[in-house]
Protein backbone atom coordinates (compact mmCIF):
# COMPACT_ATOMS: atom_id res chain seq x y z
CA MET A 1 -6.35 8.17 -11.87
CA SER A 2 -10.09 7.38 -11.91
CA ASP A 3 -9.63 5.62 -15.29
CA ILE A 4 -7.09 3.28 -13.70
CA THR A 5 -9.32 2.57 -10.71
CA ALA A 6 -12.31 1.94 -12.96
CA TRP A 7 -10.30 -0.38 -15.21
CA PHE A 8 -9.11 -2.47 -12.26
CA ARG A 9 -12.55 -2.65 -10.70
CA GLY A 10 -13.89 -3.94 -13.99
CA ARG A 11 -10.96 -6.26 -14.70
CA LEU A 12 -10.48 -8.00 -11.32
CA PRO A 13 -12.36 -11.26 -10.77
CA ALA A 14 -15.44 -10.68 -8.61
CA ASP A 15 -14.66 -13.62 -6.31
CA TRP A 16 -11.18 -12.44 -5.23
CA PHE A 17 -12.12 -9.89 -2.59
CA GLU A 18 -14.90 -9.34 -0.04
CA GLN A 19 -15.25 -5.68 -1.01
CA VAL A 20 -13.99 -3.21 -3.54
CA PRO A 21 -10.17 -3.24 -3.37
CA GLU A 22 -8.06 -0.23 -2.45
CA ILE A 23 -6.24 1.05 -5.53
CA GLY A 24 -3.43 3.50 -4.96
CA VAL A 25 -1.77 5.26 -7.89
CA ASP A 26 1.29 7.43 -8.18
CA ARG A 27 3.61 8.30 -11.10
CA GLU A 28 5.49 4.99 -10.99
CA GLU A 29 3.17 2.38 -9.53
CA ILE A 30 -0.35 1.09 -9.08
CA LEU A 31 -0.95 -0.71 -5.75
CA VAL A 32 -3.97 -3.04 -5.52
CA VAL A 33 -4.86 -4.30 -2.04
CA GLY A 34 -8.00 -6.34 -1.53
CA ARG A 35 -9.66 -7.78 1.55
CA VAL A 36 -9.87 -11.60 1.59
CA PRO A 37 -12.25 -13.52 3.91
CA ALA A 38 -10.95 -14.17 7.40
CA PRO A 39 -10.67 -17.82 8.41
CA GLU A 40 -12.96 -19.06 11.14
CA GLN A 41 -11.16 -19.80 14.39
CA GLN A 42 -11.78 -23.43 15.36
CA ASP A 43 -9.51 -23.71 18.38
CA GLU A 44 -10.51 -21.37 21.18
CA GLN A 45 -7.75 -20.77 23.71
CA GLN A 46 -8.15 -19.47 27.24
CA ASP A 47 -5.55 -16.67 27.32
CA GLY A 48 -6.36 -13.64 25.14
CA GLN A 49 -2.81 -13.34 23.78
CA GLY A 50 -2.81 -16.88 22.43
CA ASP A 51 -6.10 -16.12 20.68
CA ASP A 52 -4.59 -13.00 19.08
CA THR A 53 -1.45 -14.83 17.98
CA ALA A 54 -3.43 -17.70 16.51
CA ARG A 55 -5.77 -15.30 14.72
CA ARG A 56 -2.85 -13.34 13.24
CA GLN A 57 -1.22 -16.56 12.06
CA ALA A 58 -4.49 -17.71 10.47
CA GLU A 59 -4.84 -14.34 8.71
CA ALA A 60 -1.26 -14.53 7.42
CA GLY A 61 -1.94 -18.06 6.18
CA ARG A 62 -5.11 -16.93 4.35
CA ILE A 63 -3.17 -14.09 2.68
CA ALA A 64 -0.37 -16.52 1.66
CA ARG A 65 -2.94 -18.89 0.15
CA PHE A 66 -4.54 -16.02 -1.80
CA ARG A 67 -1.11 -14.96 -3.05
CA GLU A 68 -0.22 -18.43 -4.34
CA ASP A 69 -3.68 -19.27 -5.73
CA THR A 70 -3.95 -16.04 -7.74
CA ARG A 71 -0.32 -15.57 -8.82
CA ALA A 72 -0.73 -16.42 -12.53
CA ARG A 73 -3.89 -14.32 -12.98
CA ARG A 74 -2.44 -11.38 -11.02
CA MET A 75 0.65 -11.44 -13.24
CA GLN A 76 -1.52 -11.50 -16.37
CA ILE A 77 -3.62 -8.55 -15.15
CA ALA A 78 -0.48 -6.67 -14.10
CA ASP A 79 1.05 -7.13 -17.57
CA GLU A 80 -2.12 -5.77 -19.20
CA ALA A 81 -2.20 -2.79 -16.85
CA GLU A 82 1.50 -2.03 -17.30
CA ARG A 83 1.05 -1.93 -21.08
CA ARG A 84 -2.12 0.15 -20.80
CA PHE A 85 -1.05 2.67 -18.11
CA GLY A 86 2.77 2.66 -18.26
CA ARG A 87 3.14 1.92 -14.55
CA LYS A 88 4.25 -1.13 -12.58
CA VAL A 89 1.58 -2.96 -10.59
CA ALA A 90 2.06 -4.09 -7.01
CA TRP A 91 -0.34 -6.37 -5.14
CA GLY A 92 -1.35 -6.92 -1.55
CA ALA A 93 -4.07 -8.39 0.58
CA ALA A 94 -5.73 -7.65 3.89
CA CYS A 95 -7.36 -10.19 6.16
CA GLY A 96 -8.77 -9.24 9.55
CA GLU A 97 -6.16 -6.94 11.08
CA THR A 98 -3.31 -8.25 8.90
CA ARG A 99 -2.23 -6.39 5.77
CA THR A 100 0.57 -7.59 3.47
CA VAL A 101 1.93 -5.97 0.32
CA PHE A 102 3.57 -8.63 -1.79
CA THR A 103 5.82 -6.60 -4.04
CA SER A 104 6.21 -2.85 -4.27
CA LEU A 105 8.72 -0.54 -5.85
CA ALA A 106 11.30 1.25 -3.77
CA VAL A 107 11.91 4.35 -5.89
CA PRO A 108 14.95 6.52 -5.22
CA VAL A 109 14.10 10.13 -4.50
CA MET A 110 16.72 12.84 -4.58
CA THR A 111 16.59 15.76 -2.18
CA ARG A 112 18.83 18.55 -0.97
CA LEU A 113 19.06 19.01 2.77
CA ARG A 114 20.72 21.71 4.79
CA GLN A 115 22.88 20.88 7.78
CA PRO A 116 20.12 20.90 10.46
CA GLU A 117 18.08 18.37 8.42
CA ARG A 118 21.17 16.22 7.77
CA GLN A 119 21.92 16.25 11.48
CA VAL A 120 18.46 14.84 12.20
CA LEU A 121 19.12 11.99 9.80
CA ASP A 122 22.62 11.41 11.16
CA THR A 123 21.23 11.25 14.72
CA LEU A 124 18.75 8.56 13.64
CA VAL A 125 21.59 6.62 12.04
CA ALA A 126 23.89 7.01 15.06
CA ALA A 127 21.08 5.86 17.39
CA GLY A 128 20.51 2.73 15.32
CA VAL A 129 17.00 3.73 14.25
CA ALA A 130 18.16 3.57 10.62
CA ARG A 131 21.18 2.10 8.81
CA SER A 132 21.65 5.04 6.44
CA ARG A 133 20.45 8.57 5.74
CA ALA A 134 18.16 7.20 3.03
CA GLU A 135 16.53 4.75 5.48
CA ALA A 136 16.26 7.50 8.08
CA LEU A 137 14.52 9.77 5.60
CA ALA A 138 12.10 6.98 4.66
CA TRP A 139 11.42 6.44 8.38
CA CYS A 140 10.64 10.16 8.80
CA VAL A 141 8.26 10.12 5.82
CA ARG A 142 6.43 7.08 7.23
CA LEU A 143 6.14 8.81 10.62
CA VAL A 144 4.66 11.96 9.09
CA GLY A 145 2.24 9.79 7.11
CA GLN A 146 1.11 8.03 10.29
CA HIS A 147 0.72 11.11 12.45
CA GLU A 148 -0.53 13.55 9.84
CA GLY A 149 -2.66 11.12 7.81
CA ASP A 150 -5.86 13.19 8.08
CA TRP A 151 -4.08 16.35 6.93
CA ILE A 152 -2.43 14.50 4.02
CA GLU A 153 -5.84 13.11 2.97
CA ARG A 154 -7.36 16.62 3.01
CA LEU A 155 -4.43 17.85 0.95
CA ARG A 156 -4.93 15.02 -1.58
CA ALA A 157 -8.66 15.84 -1.83
CA ALA A 158 -7.78 19.50 -2.45
CA LEU A 159 -5.38 18.47 -5.22
CA VAL A 160 -8.12 16.38 -6.85
CA ALA A 161 -10.39 19.44 -6.79
CA VAL A 162 -7.66 21.55 -8.40
CA GLU A 163 -7.15 18.88 -11.07
CA GLU A 164 -10.88 18.83 -11.81
CA ALA A 165 -10.99 22.63 -12.04
CA ARG A 166 -8.08 22.63 -14.49
CA ALA A 167 -9.74 19.95 -16.61
CA ALA A 168 -13.01 21.95 -16.74
CA GLY A 169 -11.20 25.15 -17.70
CA PRO A 170 -10.54 26.55 -21.16
CA ALA A 171 -8.58 24.40 -23.57
């Protein structure tokens, strides 16, 4: 994974992002999300909510401009990376408090669930939280990721340490 991150950090144009981009890697996909400069707010409004709405719109506009202006180069870099690493590349941008992922894979994942777990999914579907069991399961995974993010990060760090120990071990 560090080879992929290093390659992207060396390959991406220096003027695209304000700071080093986030590069997420799994078995199927590489996700590159960089922070673009926030636009300056020219029109100050009196009510705080109007300011927030205007700021969010300006951030979304800046992200859309970045997406259009860099499309050809991003596609070229993605093609190179896909050949080199055998994974699809997805892109995104962050601006202020707005974060947008342009394209990302939705990979089917098979699982076996016993009745109590299926009933949880069916309840979410019946309540209109999700349209299907698959969508309900994705909703549950997102919820765990949000509420147990620190624990998941510690687990990922532990897995990196295990990977390093295996690599340093006997051949």
